[in-house]
Amino acid sequence: MTDSGPIAIGIHGGCGTLSPELLSEAEWVEMREHLAQALRAGWALLRAGAPAIAAVEAAVVVMEDSPYFNAGHGAALTENAEHELDASIMDGESLGAGAICMARRIRNPIRAARAVMERSDCVLLAGSAADSFAAQQGLDVVDNDYFTTQRRIDALAALKAKARRGTLASASEAERHGTVGAVALDAAGRLAAGTSTGGFNNKPAGRIGDSPIIGAGTYAQNGVCAVSCTGQGEYFIRHVVAHEIAARIRLGGERLTGASDDLIHRVMTAHGIGAGLVAIDGSGQVHAPFNTLGMARGWIDPAGQAFVATHQEIHTITP
């Protein structure tokens, strides 16, 4: 396999996008700039000939470090006002995968997920074992309150108030959920996907969603597709959404767009939940369907054209 093929990258910052009036225009501009920075971090590696797995990791790290997304710094708070972080990554060439869940101290969970894949005999490490492994591997570890932002404190208080009033079902997707993810195709034709999340606001301690579950929230297979999902993870686990898309393409002959759209707009929507994903196929086509008010997202296509968006309007950027 020669390193002469197309390259492309896609990202999402979660389908729990706020109503436009809930942030200032300056904040929306800054969020889109953080999406652009994530794309550029991954794109620079792809252009330099790095593997897709490295581009995915780099893009996700930028979003984990941003307070605007529910991953890393800015992650959701549990019912106990603490953070439990989940992440996974998958290499489409080897089908190698790594994941961590219920981590409390890993600054960049996606880095730990990659370390699990490349430096252990495991696929998934949980809780204190994940934190200890990350420290042993020389990754940055922080106090749990590093992840806390005022926006998450306010969201937790609002959800607890709604629970007391019996109106929790009316909570918006933005109040509940959020995830970040990336998919990439490198010049050697390798695909990769990664996902990172703090779960949902006011989640029970110990709850694990789809983000660290290979096949549910994350999946990649060379020549087929790479997928990263966002939304209420329990349903993505039940339908094994990321792998389902790959299976429909590989075995059913469906196209990326058709398979992804059906899973989001028919299967997930039938459950009445907010859902979205970003996916890429072996030719570098990126698709990012969602059924919510908006979904933070962006992509750079094989022609080098770059875009970011939070709602329906799509903004062209410099890659």
Protein backbone atom coordinates (compact mmCIF):
# COMPACT_ATOMS: atom_id res chain seq x y z
CA MET A 1 0.00 0.00 0.00
CA THR A 2 1.52 3.33 -1.07
CA ASP A 3 0.98 6.63 0.70
CA SER A 4 -0.54 8.35 -2.33
CA GLY A 5 -4.27 8.27 -1.80
CA PRO A 6 -6.73 10.94 -0.67
CA ILE A 7 -6.83 12.23 2.88
CA ALA A 8 -9.84 13.57 4.81
CA ILE A 9 -11.03 14.18 8.36
CA GLY A 10 -14.33 14.77 10.11
CA ILE A 11 -15.19 15.73 13.69
CA HIS A 12 -18.20 16.27 15.90
CA GLY A 13 -18.57 18.14 19.17
CA GLY A 14 -21.82 16.49 20.22
CA CYS A 15 -25.43 16.69 19.10
CA GLY A 16 -26.47 18.52 22.28
CA THR A 17 -26.03 21.93 20.66
CA LEU A 18 -27.51 24.86 22.55
CA SER A 19 -30.22 27.13 21.21
CA PRO A 20 -28.51 30.04 19.42
CA GLU A 21 -29.70 32.61 21.97
CA LEU A 22 -28.11 30.78 24.93
CA LEU A 23 -24.57 31.81 23.98
CA SER A 24 -23.27 35.16 22.80
CA GLU A 25 -22.15 35.53 19.21
CA ALA A 26 -18.57 35.82 20.46
CA GLU A 27 -18.93 32.46 22.21
CA TRP A 28 -20.32 30.81 19.08
CA VAL A 29 -17.41 32.23 17.10
CA GLU A 30 -14.95 30.88 19.66
CA MET A 31 -16.59 27.43 19.63
CA ARG A 32 -16.33 27.29 15.86
CA GLU A 33 -12.67 28.34 16.13
CA HIS A 34 -12.04 25.44 18.52
CA LEU A 35 -13.63 23.10 15.98
CA ALA A 36 -11.37 24.58 13.31
CA GLN A 37 -8.32 24.09 15.53
CA ALA A 38 -9.27 20.44 16.04
CA LEU A 39 -9.58 19.91 12.29
CA ARG A 40 -6.28 21.64 11.59
CA ALA A 41 -4.48 19.57 14.21
CA GLY A 42 -5.56 16.35 12.54
CA TRP A 43 -5.17 17.66 8.99
CA ALA A 44 -1.58 18.78 9.56
CA LEU A 45 -0.65 15.25 10.59
CA LEU A 46 -2.43 13.70 7.63
CA ARG A 47 -0.66 16.04 5.22
CA ALA A 48 2.66 15.07 6.82
CA GLY A 49 1.93 11.40 6.12
CA ALA A 50 0.94 10.41 9.67
CA PRO A 51 -1.52 7.55 10.19
CA ALA A 52 -5.22 8.22 10.60
CA ILE A 53 -5.10 7.10 14.23
CA ALA A 54 -2.73 9.96 15.07
CA ALA A 55 -4.93 12.51 13.32
CA VAL A 56 -8.00 11.30 15.21
CA GLU A 57 -6.19 11.52 18.54
CA ALA A 58 -4.89 15.02 17.82
CA ALA A 59 -8.31 16.35 16.81
CA VAL A 60 -10.02 14.90 19.86
CA VAL A 61 -7.36 16.27 22.23
CA VAL A 62 -8.13 19.82 21.05
CA MET A 63 -11.82 19.34 21.84
CA GLU A 64 -11.05 17.69 25.19
CA ASP A 65 -9.06 20.80 26.11
CA SER A 66 -11.90 23.16 25.12
CA PRO A 67 -14.51 24.20 27.71
CA TYR A 68 -17.23 24.18 25.05
CA PHE A 69 -17.51 20.41 24.71
CA ASN A 70 -18.53 17.58 27.00
CA ALA A 71 -15.16 15.83 27.14
CA GLY A 72 -12.08 16.52 29.22
CA HIS A 73 -12.14 20.10 30.53
CA GLY A 74 -15.83 21.04 30.43
CA ALA A 75 -17.14 17.50 30.90
CA ALA A 76 -20.53 16.77 32.43
CA LEU A 77 -20.98 16.26 36.17
CA THR A 78 -22.46 13.13 37.73
CA GLU A 79 -25.28 13.20 40.27
CA ASN A 80 -22.52 13.53 42.89
CA ALA A 81 -21.05 16.60 41.17
CA GLU A 82 -17.96 14.67 40.06
CA HIS A 83 -16.55 13.69 36.68
CA GLU A 84 -16.28 10.19 35.21
CA LEU A 85 -14.77 10.20 31.73
CA ASP A 86 -15.00 7.68 28.89
CA ALA A 87 -13.13 7.39 25.58
CA SER A 88 -12.26 4.92 22.85
CA ILE A 89 -10.21 4.76 19.67
CA MET A 90 -10.01 2.23 16.83
CA ASP A 91 -7.55 1.51 14.02
CA GLY A 92 -9.32 0.37 10.86
CA GLU A 93 -6.27 -1.43 9.49
CA SER A 94 -5.64 -3.88 12.34
CA LEU A 95 -9.05 -3.56 14.05
CA GLY A 96 -6.99 -2.73 17.11
CA ALA A 97 -8.94 -0.78 19.70
CA GLY A 98 -8.49 0.75 23.13
CA ALA A 99 -10.85 2.37 25.60
CA ILE A 100 -11.16 3.70 29.12
CA CYS A 101 -14.27 4.39 31.19
CA MET A 102 -15.10 5.93 34.57
CA ALA A 103 -11.72 7.66 34.62
CA ARG A 104 -11.43 10.52 37.08
CA ARG A 105 -7.94 11.95 36.61
CA ILE A 106 -6.83 11.52 32.97
CA ARG A 107 -6.51 14.97 31.38
CA ASN A 108 -6.95 13.62 27.84
CA PRO A 109 -8.89 10.36 27.89
CA ILE A 110 -8.38 9.77 24.16
CA ARG A 111 -4.62 9.55 24.74
CA ALA A 112 -5.20 6.90 27.39
CA ALA A 113 -7.49 4.97 25.04
CA ARG A 114 -4.75 4.89 22.41
CA ALA A 115 -2.22 3.81 25.03
CA VAL A 116 -4.50 0.93 26.05
CA MET A 117 -4.67 -0.13 22.38
CA GLU A 118 -0.93 0.10 21.73
CA ARG A 119 0.70 -0.66 25.08
CA SER A 120 -1.52 -3.22 26.81
CA ASP A 121 -3.20 -6.56 26.15
CA CYS A 122 -6.61 -5.04 26.96
CA VAL A 123 -9.29 -3.23 25.03
CA LEU A 124 -11.05 -1.54 27.96
CA LEU A 125 -9.81 -0.36 31.36
CA ALA A 126 -12.14 1.12 33.98
CA GLY A 127 -12.06 3.51 36.91
CA SER A 128 -8.97 3.70 39.09
CA ALA A 129 -7.24 1.07 36.94
CA ALA A 130 -7.54 3.38 33.95
CA ASP A 131 -6.20 6.32 35.95
CA SER A 132 -3.26 4.26 37.24
CA PHE A 133 -2.45 2.93 33.77
CA ALA A 134 -2.41 6.46 32.34
CA ALA A 135 -0.06 7.65 35.06
CA GLN A 136 2.22 4.65 34.51
CA GLN A 137 2.35 5.51 30.81
CA GLY A 138 3.44 9.05 31.55
CA LEU A 139 0.19 10.70 30.49
CA ASP A 140 -0.99 13.90 32.18
CA VAL A 141 -3.15 13.29 35.25
CA VAL A 142 -5.03 16.06 37.06
CA ASP A 143 -7.33 16.59 40.00
CA ASN A 144 -10.97 15.82 39.24
CA ASP A 145 -12.01 19.46 39.57
CA TYR A 146 -9.79 20.38 36.59
CA PHE A 147 -12.65 19.22 34.38
CA THR A 148 -15.28 21.44 36.05
CA THR A 149 -16.66 24.60 34.42
CA GLN A 150 -19.36 26.96 35.61
CA ARG A 151 -21.55 25.96 32.67
CA ARG A 152 -21.57 22.36 33.90
CA ILE A 153 -22.28 23.41 37.48
CA ASP A 154 -25.25 25.45 36.25
CA ALA A 155 -26.50 22.61 34.05
CA LEU A 156 -26.36 20.13 36.93
CA ALA A 157 -28.31 22.52 39.17
CA ALA A 158 -30.93 23.04 36.46
CA LEU A 159 -31.41 19.31 35.93
CA LYS A 160 -31.70 18.61 39.64
CA ALA A 161 -34.31 21.36 39.91
CA LYS A 162 -36.29 19.86 37.05
CA ALA A 163 -36.06 16.44 38.68
CA ARG A 164 -37.53 17.87 41.88
CA ARG A 165 -40.38 19.46 39.91
CA GLY A 166 -41.00 16.29 37.93
CA THR A 167 -40.18 18.00 34.63
CA LEU A 168 -36.90 16.23 33.82
CA ALA A 169 -38.36 14.84 30.60
CA SER A 170 -38.52 18.40 29.23
CA ALA A 171 -34.75 18.90 29.52
CA SER A 172 -33.07 19.74 26.23
CA GLU A 173 -30.45 17.59 24.56
CA ALA A 174 -27.93 20.35 25.35
CA GLU A 175 -28.69 20.10 29.07
CA ARG A 176 -28.39 16.32 29.07
CA HIS A 177 -25.71 15.07 26.73
CA GLY A 178 -22.63 15.82 24.68
CA THR A 179 -19.66 13.97 23.21
CA VAL A 180 -16.73 14.66 20.89
CA GLY A 181 -15.34 12.45 18.18
CA ALA A 182 -13.21 12.28 15.06
CA VAL A 183 -12.79 10.07 12.00
CA ALA A 184 -10.01 10.16 9.44
CA LEU A 185 -8.63 8.64 6.24
CA ASP A 186 -4.88 8.78 5.67
CA ALA A 187 -2.87 8.65 2.45
CA ALA A 188 -2.25 4.91 2.87
CA GLY A 189 -5.99 4.24 2.91
CA ARG A 190 -6.16 3.61 6.65
CA LEU A 191 -9.30 4.61 8.55
CA ALA A 192 -9.60 5.44 12.25
CA ALA A 193 -12.21 6.69 14.69
CA GLY A 194 -12.17 8.05 18.23
CA THR A 195 -14.78 9.25 20.73
CA SER A 196 -14.55 10.96 24.13
CA THR A 197 -17.21 12.09 26.61
CA GLY A 198 -18.12 13.03 30.14
CA GLY A 199 -21.43 11.20 29.75
CA PHE A 200 -24.60 13.09 30.57
CA ASN A 201 -25.28 15.73 33.18
CA ASN A 202 -26.61 14.34 36.48
CA LYS A 203 -25.82 10.78 35.39
CA PRO A 204 -25.73 8.07 38.05
CA ALA A 205 -22.25 7.39 39.36
CA GLY A 206 -20.85 4.40 37.49
CA ARG A 207 -22.98 4.84 34.38
CA ILE A 208 -21.20 3.96 31.13
CA GLY A 209 -22.58 4.87 27.72
CA ASP A 210 -21.64 3.95 24.18
CA SER A 211 -18.55 6.13 23.78
CA PRO A 212 -16.05 3.58 25.20
CA ILE A 213 -17.86 0.59 23.67
CA ILE A 214 -16.28 -0.57 20.43
CA GLY A 215 -18.99 -1.18 17.85
CA ALA A 216 -21.55 0.98 19.64
CA GLY A 217 -20.06 4.49 19.80
CA THR A 218 -16.86 3.93 17.82
CA TYR A 219 -15.87 1.67 14.94
CA ALA A 220 -13.39 1.66 12.04
CA GLN A 221 -12.55 -0.80 9.28
CA ASN A 222 -10.32 -0.08 6.31
CA GLY A 223 -12.12 0.13 2.99
CA VAL A 224 -15.50 0.36 4.73
CA CYS A 225 -15.93 3.29 7.12
CA ALA A 226 -15.03 4.88 10.43
CA VAL A 227 -17.77 6.14 12.76
CA SER A 228 -18.05 8.17 15.97
CA CYS A 229 -21.47 8.60 17.59
CA THR A 230 -23.16 11.09 19.92
CA GLY A 231 -26.46 10.98 21.79
CA GLN A 232 -28.14 8.85 24.44
CA GLY A 233 -25.65 6.02 24.60
CA GLU A 234 -27.97 3.33 25.92
CA TYR A 235 -29.73 3.21 22.55
CA PHE A 236 -26.49 3.27 20.57
CA ILE A 237 -25.35 0.26 22.60
CA ARG A 238 -28.59 -1.65 21.97
CA HIS A 239 -28.40 -1.06 18.24
CA VAL A 240 -24.58 -1.34 18.04
CA VAL A 241 -24.86 1.69 15.76
CA ALA A 242 -21.26 2.26 14.68
CA HIS A 243 -20.77 -1.38 13.67
CA GLU A 244 -24.25 -1.55 12.16
CA ILE A 245 -23.29 1.16 9.69
CA ALA A 246 -20.10 -0.70 8.75
CA ALA A 247 -22.02 -3.98 8.34
CA ARG A 248 -24.63 -2.37 6.11
CA ILE A 249 -21.88 -1.02 3.88
CA ARG A 250 -19.70 -4.14 3.86
CA LEU A 251 -22.39 -6.80 3.67
CA GLY A 252 -25.44 -4.97 2.40
CA GLY A 253 -23.86 -2.78 -0.24
CA GLU A 254 -25.33 0.41 1.19
CA ARG A 255 -23.63 3.78 0.85
CA LEU A 256 -22.27 5.65 3.84
CA THR A 257 -24.88 8.39 3.57
CA GLY A 258 -27.84 6.03 3.31
CA ALA A 259 -26.77 3.76 6.14
CA SER A 260 -25.91 6.65 8.46
CA ASP A 261 -29.08 8.60 7.69
CA ASP A 262 -31.28 5.58 8.31
CA LEU A 263 -29.70 4.85 11.70
CA ILE A 264 -30.06 8.47 12.87
CA HIS A 265 -33.28 9.64 11.24
CA ARG A 266 -35.29 6.42 11.45
CA VAL A 267 -33.89 4.02 14.05
CA MET A 268 -32.70 6.50 16.68
CA THR A 269 -35.48 9.01 16.04
CA ALA A 270 -38.05 6.26 16.62
CA HIS A 271 -36.84 6.11 20.22
CA GLY A 272 -37.48 9.83 20.64
CA ILE A 273 -33.85 10.62 21.46
CA GLY A 274 -31.36 13.14 20.18
CA ALA A 275 -28.69 11.47 18.09
CA GLY A 276 -25.92 12.18 15.64
CA LEU A 277 -22.63 10.88 14.30
CA VAL A 278 -19.72 11.64 12.04
CA ALA A 279 -18.56 9.00 9.57
CA ILE A 280 -16.09 8.67 6.73
CA ASP A 281 -15.75 6.04 4.01
CA GLY A 282 -12.76 4.63 2.15
CA SER A 283 -12.89 7.37 -0.49
CA GLY A 284 -12.79 10.18 2.06
CA GLN A 285 -16.46 11.15 1.94
CA VAL A 286 -17.52 12.56 5.31
CA HIS A 287 -21.14 12.51 6.48
CA ALA A 288 -22.50 13.97 9.72
CA PRO A 289 -26.26 13.43 10.18
CA PHE A 290 -28.12 14.55 13.33
CA ASN A 291 -31.76 14.84 14.43
CA THR A 292 -31.36 17.64 16.99
CA LEU A 293 -31.44 21.44 16.80
CA GLY A 294 -27.78 21.35 15.88
CA MET A 295 -24.54 19.41 16.16
CA ALA A 296 -21.08 20.91 16.44
CA ARG A 297 -19.18 19.43 13.51
CA GLY A 298 -16.58 20.01 10.85
CA TRP A 299 -14.71 18.30 8.07
CA ILE A 300 -11.93 18.70 5.52
CA ASP A 301 -12.54 16.83 2.28
CA PRO A 302 -9.95 15.24 -0.05
CA ALA A 303 -9.84 18.47 -2.09
CA GLY A 304 -8.70 20.34 1.02
CA GLN A 305 -11.96 22.26 1.45
CA ALA A 306 -12.72 22.85 5.14
CA PHE A 307 -15.99 23.56 6.94
CA VAL A 308 -17.35 23.93 10.47
CA ALA A 309 -20.91 24.28 11.78
CA THR A 310 -22.95 24.23 14.97
CA HIS A 311 -26.48 24.54 13.57
CA GLN A 312 -27.72 24.53 9.97
CA GLU A 313 -25.40 27.24 8.66
CA ILE A 314 -22.08 25.87 7.42
CA HIS A 315 -18.96 28.08 7.59
CA THR A 316 -15.99 27.74 5.22
CA ILE A 317 -12.61 27.95 6.94
CA THR A 318 -8.95 27.82 5.99
CA PRO A 319 -7.57 24.31 6.61
